[in-house]
């Protein structure tokens, strides 16, 4: 692609609501699926270090062999935002939605052999590792995707006005990281990817997660039916909840993000309540599933490194997690797409760059999905 035809990376426009207001040709509508396993993965991986005993060597090599990693740094090179020097870390967490293998049995898509990123979160861990901010990026946000090189060395041209999650389906993890860094101008220190078949098993290994719903949920697409009240969700129900979109709030993807954020807090509470670190059998089951479920950047690509990293997150409680959605507005040309509110988003990126709390003004007056409060911890 010539220099004249290569769009600048990042978000189109420079003020206010940004992004194209016409539908890109050839865009297919697929029911999006969402899921996340960062926190259960992190806490269980941290617990690996306490297993010890005569079988520790075998266990280490077994779990280490389960892990998959990708060399993001090699693929992206040096043309990236600088690393922060204030003690904070940024982790890009993606949920991959392949329709092959075990994931096909869970339904909700065509087994076309492709993989999509239908959950994206920037987890900012503040200096001292006692607090975190989590910024969910709506998959339907229209962006300008930068030119990128994937981990196989294949180059992918830039594209204007495409959905955010096209970055992953086009160039995998490296392209997703490149796109997030171009939008935020923040360096992603680490990368974690979780597939939703593994997410379901993680919840089952954990023994379920307790939530309270203030409204009944009946979504035929996610196969979830819950009456208003308190429930212990098994893996299948938990997966249904974080995929639920229709019949909750305004029926948008933004409403689903609000459900996911509430579920994450319930999940963290559950992990701390069930005695994971004092139950070796439960810990081993969780560690086995977690290490098979995640893909990491190469810096976290061993049990020791992942456990050390995750051990630093154990002090973060739900009350010290601030969860927001990247500021967006519905696209007037297509209600199924959203446009970045750049001025508000820049407040978030600047706060994270400086390791400060996200200001309330950054998310006031933005599209929300209207599903806040539908799900809460018991």
Protein backbone atom coordinates (compact mmCIF):
# COMPACT_ATOMS: atom_id res chain seq x y z
CA UNK A 1 0.00 0.00 0.00
CA UNK A 2 1.39 3.42 -0.95
CA UNK A 3 1.99 6.13 1.60
CA UNK A 4 -0.81 8.16 0.04
CA UNK A 5 -3.36 5.39 0.55
CA UNK A 6 -2.30 4.27 4.03
CA UNK A 7 -4.51 5.84 6.69
CA UNK A 8 -2.97 7.04 9.92
CA UNK A 9 -3.47 4.61 12.78
CA UNK A 10 -5.91 5.33 15.55
CA UNK A 11 -9.36 6.85 15.66
CA UNK A 12 -10.68 8.97 12.79
CA UNK A 13 -11.14 12.63 13.55
CA UNK A 14 -9.69 14.70 16.34
CA UNK A 15 -12.56 16.01 18.46
CA UNK A 16 -15.89 14.85 19.80
CA UNK A 17 -17.56 11.73 18.44
CA UNK A 18 -15.35 10.10 15.87
CA UNK A 19 -15.60 7.46 13.22
CA UNK A 20 -17.32 7.06 9.85
CA UNK A 21 -21.10 7.39 9.70
CA UNK A 22 -21.70 5.04 6.83
CA UNK A 23 -21.84 1.29 6.86
CA UNK A 24 -18.74 -0.35 5.49
CA UNK A 25 -19.38 -2.56 2.51
CA UNK A 26 -19.36 -6.27 3.07
CA UNK A 27 -19.72 -6.08 6.87
CA UNK A 28 -21.39 -9.19 8.18
CA UNK A 29 -23.63 -9.17 11.21
CA UNK A 30 -22.81 -12.00 13.56
CA UNK A 31 -24.15 -12.43 17.06
CA UNK A 32 -21.18 -11.46 19.23
CA UNK A 33 -20.06 -13.66 22.13
CA UNK A 34 -18.25 -12.42 25.21
CA UNK A 35 -16.38 -14.01 28.02
CA UNK A 36 -13.47 -13.34 30.36
CA UNK A 37 -11.21 -15.43 32.55
CA UNK A 38 -8.36 -13.09 33.51
CA UNK A 39 -9.03 -12.99 37.20
CA UNK A 40 -9.71 -16.66 37.82
CA UNK A 41 -6.68 -17.47 35.70
CA UNK A 42 -4.49 -15.01 37.57
CA UNK A 43 -5.48 -16.10 41.04
CA UNK A 44 -5.20 -19.83 40.33
CA UNK A 45 -1.89 -19.44 38.55
CA UNK A 46 -0.59 -17.57 41.57
CA UNK A 47 -1.60 -20.50 43.74
CA UNK A 48 0.62 -22.89 41.81
CA UNK A 49 3.59 -21.71 43.84
CA UNK A 50 2.11 -23.12 47.07
CA UNK A 51 1.60 -26.69 45.82
CA UNK A 52 5.14 -27.97 46.54
CA UNK A 53 5.77 -31.58 47.55
CA UNK A 54 7.45 -34.52 45.81
CA UNK A 55 5.40 -34.13 42.65
CA UNK A 56 6.12 -30.44 42.23
CA UNK A 57 8.67 -30.98 39.46
CA UNK A 58 6.35 -33.13 37.38
CA UNK A 59 3.49 -30.74 38.03
CA UNK A 60 5.54 -27.76 36.94
CA UNK A 61 6.52 -29.34 33.62
CA UNK A 62 2.98 -30.54 33.00
CA UNK A 63 1.44 -27.14 33.62
CA UNK A 64 4.25 -25.38 31.81
CA UNK A 65 3.58 -27.56 28.76
CA UNK A 66 -0.06 -26.48 28.75
CA UNK A 67 0.74 -22.80 28.26
CA UNK A 68 0.73 -21.13 24.85
CA UNK A 69 2.48 -17.85 24.23
CA UNK A 70 2.99 -15.37 21.40
CA UNK A 71 5.96 -13.06 20.88
CA UNK A 72 4.20 -9.71 20.67
CA UNK A 73 7.39 -7.66 21.06
CA UNK A 74 9.06 -9.37 18.11
CA UNK A 75 6.04 -8.84 15.86
CA UNK A 76 5.53 -5.17 16.74
CA UNK A 77 9.16 -4.07 16.87
CA UNK A 78 10.15 -0.73 18.39
CA UNK A 79 7.48 1.54 16.92
CA UNK A 80 5.34 1.48 20.05
CA UNK A 81 4.44 3.77 22.96
CA UNK A 82 7.09 3.95 25.66
CA UNK A 83 6.84 1.79 28.74
CA UNK A 84 5.59 3.62 31.81
CA UNK A 85 8.21 4.26 34.48
CA UNK A 86 5.80 4.86 37.36
CA UNK A 87 5.38 1.27 38.58
CA UNK A 88 2.06 0.65 36.81
CA UNK A 89 1.26 -2.02 34.23
CA UNK A 90 -1.25 -2.31 31.37
CA UNK A 91 -2.56 -5.73 30.36
CA UNK A 92 -4.67 -6.31 27.26
CA UNK A 93 -7.14 -9.12 27.94
CA UNK A 94 -8.96 -10.68 24.99
CA UNK A 95 -11.56 -13.40 24.75
CA UNK A 96 -11.09 -15.47 21.61
CA UNK A 97 -14.18 -16.96 19.98
CA UNK A 98 -13.10 -19.72 17.63
CA UNK A 99 -15.88 -21.98 16.37
CA UNK A 100 -13.65 -25.04 16.08
CA UNK A 101 -13.04 -27.90 18.49
CA UNK A 102 -14.65 -27.75 21.93
CA UNK A 103 -16.02 -24.29 21.32
CA UNK A 104 -18.27 -25.53 18.51
CA UNK A 105 -20.33 -27.55 21.00
CA UNK A 106 -21.23 -24.38 22.85
CA UNK A 107 -23.04 -23.01 19.83
CA UNK A 108 -23.63 -19.45 18.78
CA UNK A 109 -21.70 -19.21 15.57
CA UNK A 110 -20.57 -20.79 12.34
CA UNK A 111 -17.70 -23.25 12.45
CA UNK A 112 -15.77 -21.46 9.74
CA UNK A 113 -12.36 -22.16 11.26
CA UNK A 114 -11.84 -18.50 12.11
CA UNK A 115 -11.33 -16.88 15.49
CA UNK A 116 -12.68 -13.57 16.68
CA UNK A 117 -11.95 -11.34 19.65
CA UNK A 118 -15.30 -10.57 21.17
CA UNK A 119 -14.12 -9.40 24.58
CA UNK A 120 -11.45 -6.75 25.03
CA UNK A 121 -10.36 -5.10 28.25
CA UNK A 122 -7.42 -2.94 29.23
CA UNK A 123 -6.53 -3.79 32.83
CA UNK A 124 -4.43 -1.02 34.40
CA UNK A 125 -2.72 -2.15 37.59
CA UNK A 126 -1.64 0.85 39.66
CA UNK A 127 1.71 1.19 41.39
CA UNK A 128 1.74 -1.02 44.47
CA UNK A 129 -0.66 -3.53 42.87
CA UNK A 130 -3.49 -2.81 45.32
CA UNK A 131 -5.87 -1.14 42.86
CA UNK A 132 -6.85 -1.58 39.22
CA UNK A 133 -8.94 0.13 36.58
CA UNK A 134 -10.55 -1.98 33.87
CA UNK A 135 -11.61 -0.35 30.59
CA UNK A 136 -13.85 -2.48 28.36
CA UNK A 137 -13.57 -1.78 24.63
CA UNK A 138 -16.83 -2.42 22.73
CA UNK A 139 -16.26 -4.85 19.88
CA UNK A 140 -18.57 -2.81 17.64
CA UNK A 141 -16.54 0.42 17.87
CA UNK A 142 -15.68 1.74 14.40
CA UNK A 143 -11.98 2.57 14.17
CA UNK A 144 -9.13 3.05 11.75
CA UNK A 145 -7.07 -0.12 12.08
CA UNK A 146 -3.31 0.45 11.68
CA UNK A 147 -1.01 -1.48 9.42
CA UNK A 148 0.39 -4.41 11.39
CA UNK A 149 2.54 -7.53 11.20
CA UNK A 150 1.33 -10.73 12.84
CA UNK A 151 3.44 -13.20 14.81
CA UNK A 152 4.04 -15.25 11.64
CA UNK A 153 5.60 -12.25 9.93
CA UNK A 154 2.70 -11.64 7.56
CA UNK A 155 1.87 -7.99 6.92
CA UNK A 156 -1.69 -6.64 6.96
CA UNK A 157 -2.64 -3.28 5.44
CA UNK A 158 -4.41 -0.55 7.36
CA UNK A 159 -8.17 -0.18 7.04
CA UNK A 160 -10.58 2.67 7.68
CA UNK A 161 -13.93 2.48 9.46
CA UNK A 162 -13.84 -1.16 10.55
CA UNK A 163 -15.03 -2.80 13.74
CA UNK A 164 -12.51 -2.96 16.55
CA UNK A 165 -12.61 -6.75 16.76
CA UNK A 166 -11.54 -7.04 13.12
CA UNK A 167 -7.97 -6.39 14.31
CA UNK A 168 -7.75 -9.80 15.96
CA UNK A 169 -9.49 -11.69 13.16
CA UNK A 170 -7.16 -10.01 10.64
CA UNK A 171 -3.77 -10.30 12.32
CA UNK A 172 -4.25 -12.11 15.61
CA UNK A 173 -2.83 -11.02 18.95
CA UNK A 174 -0.12 -8.76 17.57
CA UNK A 175 -2.55 -6.78 15.43
CA UNK A 176 -4.98 -6.47 18.34
CA UNK A 177 -2.23 -5.07 20.57
CA UNK A 178 -1.07 -2.73 17.80
CA UNK A 179 -4.62 -1.43 17.36
CA UNK A 180 -5.17 -0.83 21.07
CA UNK A 181 -1.86 0.99 21.35
CA UNK A 182 -2.68 3.17 18.35
CA UNK A 183 -6.07 4.10 19.81
CA UNK A 184 -4.84 4.77 23.36
CA UNK A 185 -1.16 5.68 22.92
CA UNK A 186 -0.56 3.41 25.92
CA UNK A 187 2.01 0.61 25.95
CA UNK A 188 0.49 -2.80 26.63
CA UNK A 189 2.96 -4.48 28.97
CA UNK A 190 1.28 -7.89 28.80
CA UNK A 191 -1.25 -9.85 26.80
CA UNK A 192 -3.69 -12.52 28.01
CA UNK A 193 -6.18 -14.38 25.84
CA UNK A 194 -8.88 -16.77 27.07
CA UNK A 195 -11.15 -19.00 24.97
CA UNK A 196 -14.75 -19.46 26.04
CA UNK A 197 -14.73 -23.27 26.18
CA UNK A 198 -12.00 -23.00 28.81
CA UNK A 199 -13.93 -20.27 30.59
CA UNK A 200 -16.88 -22.62 31.10
CA UNK A 201 -14.66 -25.32 32.59
CA UNK A 202 -12.91 -22.81 34.85
CA UNK A 203 -16.23 -21.86 36.42
CA UNK A 204 -17.19 -25.51 36.88
CA UNK A 205 -13.82 -26.28 38.48
CA UNK A 206 -14.35 -23.33 40.79
CA UNK A 207 -17.71 -24.76 41.89
CA UNK A 208 -19.85 -22.07 40.34
CA UNK A 209 -20.27 -18.35 40.97
CA UNK A 210 -22.99 -16.70 43.07
CA UNK A 211 -24.87 -13.77 41.57
CA UNK A 212 -28.12 -11.92 42.18
CA UNK A 213 -30.29 -10.75 39.30
CA UNK A 214 -32.77 -7.93 39.84
CA UNK A 215 -34.68 -8.83 36.68
CA UNK A 216 -35.52 -12.08 34.92
CA UNK A 217 -33.29 -12.88 31.95
CA UNK A 218 -34.46 -14.92 28.97
CA UNK A 219 -32.11 -14.78 26.01
CA UNK A 220 -32.59 -17.51 23.37
CA UNK A 221 -29.31 -16.57 21.69
CA UNK A 222 -27.18 -17.18 24.78
CA UNK A 223 -29.50 -20.00 25.98
CA UNK A 224 -29.82 -18.37 29.40
CA UNK A 225 -33.00 -18.33 31.49
CA UNK A 226 -32.83 -16.91 35.00
CA UNK A 227 -35.61 -15.64 37.20
CA UNK A 228 -34.98 -12.56 39.30
CA UNK A 229 -33.21 -13.66 42.49
CA UNK A 230 -30.02 -15.27 43.75
CA UNK A 231 -28.35 -18.05 41.77
CA UNK A 232 -25.20 -20.14 41.78
CA UNK A 233 -24.21 -20.25 38.13
CA UNK A 234 -22.41 -23.27 36.72
CA UNK A 235 -20.03 -22.91 33.80
CA UNK A 236 -22.69 -23.12 31.11
CA UNK A 237 -24.91 -20.56 32.84
CA UNK A 238 -21.97 -18.24 33.52
CA UNK A 239 -20.98 -18.39 29.87
CA UNK A 240 -24.58 -17.63 28.93
CA UNK A 241 -24.62 -14.64 31.25
CA UNK A 242 -21.48 -12.99 29.87
CA UNK A 243 -22.81 -13.60 26.35
CA UNK A 244 -26.29 -12.26 27.09
CA UNK A 245 -27.37 -9.24 25.14
CA UNK A 246 -31.05 -9.43 24.19
CA UNK A 247 -33.74 -8.86 26.76
CA UNK A 248 -31.39 -6.94 29.07
CA UNK A 249 -31.08 -3.16 29.10
CA UNK A 250 -31.37 -1.71 25.60
CA UNK A 251 -30.37 -5.01 23.98
CA UNK A 252 -27.00 -3.66 22.87
CA UNK A 253 -23.46 -4.91 23.19
CA UNK A 254 -22.87 -2.16 25.75
CA UNK A 255 -25.46 -3.72 28.05
CA UNK A 256 -23.64 -7.02 27.82
CA UNK A 257 -20.42 -5.31 28.89
CA UNK A 258 -22.20 -4.10 32.02
CA UNK A 259 -23.23 -7.69 32.79
CA UNK A 260 -19.66 -8.84 32.29
CA UNK A 261 -18.26 -6.22 34.62
CA UNK A 262 -20.71 -7.22 37.36
CA UNK A 263 -19.86 -10.89 36.83
CA UNK A 264 -16.12 -10.25 37.13
CA UNK A 265 -16.62 -8.72 40.57
CA UNK A 266 -18.78 -11.67 41.62
CA UNK A 267 -16.08 -14.02 40.32
CA UNK A 268 -13.35 -12.33 42.34
CA UNK A 269 -15.50 -12.55 45.46
CA UNK A 270 -16.09 -16.25 44.83
CA UNK A 271 -12.42 -17.05 44.39
CA UNK A 272 -11.55 -15.40 47.68
CA UNK A 273 -14.41 -17.17 49.51
CA UNK A 274 -13.94 -20.80 48.45
CA UNK A 275 -10.46 -21.30 49.88
CA UNK A 276 -8.69 -21.96 46.59
CA UNK A 277 -5.27 -21.58 48.14
CA UNK A 278 -5.98 -23.98 51.03
CA UNK A 279 -7.49 -26.76 48.88
CA UNK A 280 -4.71 -28.46 46.84
CA UNK A 281 -7.12 -30.61 44.79
CA UNK A 282 -9.26 -27.65 43.76
CA UNK A 283 -6.16 -25.58 43.09
CA UNK A 284 -4.65 -28.28 40.87
CA UNK A 285 -7.87 -28.65 38.87
CA UNK A 286 -8.07 -24.91 38.38
CA UNK A 287 -4.39 -24.62 37.48
CA UNK A 288 -4.68 -27.44 34.93
CA UNK A 289 -7.68 -25.80 33.26
CA UNK A 290 -6.30 -22.28 33.49
CA UNK A 291 -2.97 -23.12 31.88
CA UNK A 292 -4.76 -24.90 29.03
CA UNK A 293 -7.16 -21.99 28.56
CA UNK A 294 -4.87 -18.98 28.30
CA UNK A 295 -2.48 -17.66 25.70
CA UNK A 296 0.02 -15.11 26.99
CA UNK A 297 2.72 -12.85 25.67
CA UNK A 298 6.15 -14.48 25.72
CA UNK A 299 7.15 -12.59 28.88
CA UNK A 300 4.46 -14.53 30.77
CA UNK A 301 4.92 -17.78 28.87
CA UNK A 302 5.98 -20.01 31.76
CA UNK A 303 4.29 -21.13 34.97
CA UNK A 304 6.88 -19.35 37.10
CA UNK A 305 6.50 -16.05 35.28
CA UNK A 306 2.71 -16.26 35.15
CA UNK A 307 2.51 -17.22 38.81
CA UNK A 308 4.81 -14.38 39.82
CA UNK A 309 2.79 -11.90 37.79
CA UNK A 310 -0.53 -13.21 39.07
CA UNK A 311 0.73 -13.26 42.64
CA UNK A 312 1.07 -9.51 42.38
CA UNK A 313 -2.66 -9.21 41.66
CA UNK A 314 -3.91 -11.11 44.70
CA UNK A 315 -4.23 -7.95 46.77
CA UNK A 316 -6.74 -6.37 44.39
CA UNK A 317 -10.27 -6.71 45.81
CA UNK A 318 -13.57 -5.94 44.03
CA UNK A 319 -13.87 -2.71 45.99
CA UNK A 320 -10.51 -1.62 44.58
CA UNK A 321 -11.46 -2.36 40.96
CA UNK A 322 -12.85 0.56 38.96
CA UNK A 323 -14.62 -0.75 35.87
CA UNK A 324 -15.70 1.49 32.99
CA UNK A 325 -16.51 1.21 29.30
CA UNK A 326 -14.56 3.19 26.73
CA UNK A 327 -16.66 6.33 26.02
CA UNK A 328 -18.77 5.81 22.90
CA UNK A 329 -21.99 7.00 21.29
CA UNK A 330 -24.34 5.06 19.04
CA UNK A 331 -23.64 5.57 15.34
CA UNK A 332 -26.61 7.49 13.84
CA UNK A 333 -26.06 5.59 10.58
CA UNK A 334 -26.20 2.15 12.23
CA UNK A 335 -27.46 1.52 15.80
CA UNK A 336 -25.46 -1.73 15.86
CA UNK A 337 -22.20 0.24 15.73
CA UNK A 338 -20.68 2.77 18.11
CA UNK A 339 -18.33 5.72 17.66
CA UNK A 340 -15.56 6.73 20.01
CA UNK A 341 -16.02 9.95 22.01
CA UNK A 342 -12.41 10.93 21.65
CA UNK A 343 -12.21 13.88 24.05
CA UNK A 344 -13.68 11.81 26.87
CA UNK A 345 -11.57 8.76 26.00
CA UNK A 346 -8.43 10.90 26.07
CA UNK A 347 -9.20 11.72 29.71
CA UNK A 348 -9.05 7.99 30.45
CA UNK A 349 -5.83 7.35 28.54
CA UNK A 350 -4.12 10.35 30.16
CA UNK A 351 -5.19 9.26 33.64
CA UNK A 352 -3.83 5.75 33.07
CA UNK A 353 -0.62 7.11 31.57
CA UNK A 354 -0.10 9.16 34.74
CA UNK A 355 -1.23 6.26 36.99
CA UNK A 356 -4.17 8.30 38.29
CA UNK A 357 -7.82 7.32 38.88
CA UNK A 358 -10.16 7.69 35.91
CA UNK A 359 -12.18 10.91 36.34
CA UNK A 360 -15.99 10.67 36.46
CA UNK A 361 -16.24 13.26 33.69
CA UNK A 362 -14.69 10.76 31.25
CA UNK A 363 -17.76 8.53 31.27
CA UNK A 364 -20.59 10.98 31.96
CA UNK A 365 -23.09 11.38 29.12
CA UNK A 366 -21.87 8.36 27.15
CA UNK A 367 -23.86 5.39 25.84
CA UNK A 368 -24.19 2.77 28.58
CA UNK A 369 -26.42 -0.10 27.47
CA UNK A 370 -28.79 0.50 30.40
CA UNK A 371 -28.08 -2.85 32.09
CA UNK A 372 -26.28 -1.57 35.17
CA UNK A 373 -27.58 -3.17 38.35
CA UNK A 374 -29.23 -6.15 36.62
CA UNK A 375 -26.51 -8.45 38.05
CA UNK A 376 -24.62 -8.08 41.30
CA UNK A 377 -22.60 -10.15 43.77
CA UNK A 378 -24.68 -12.00 46.31
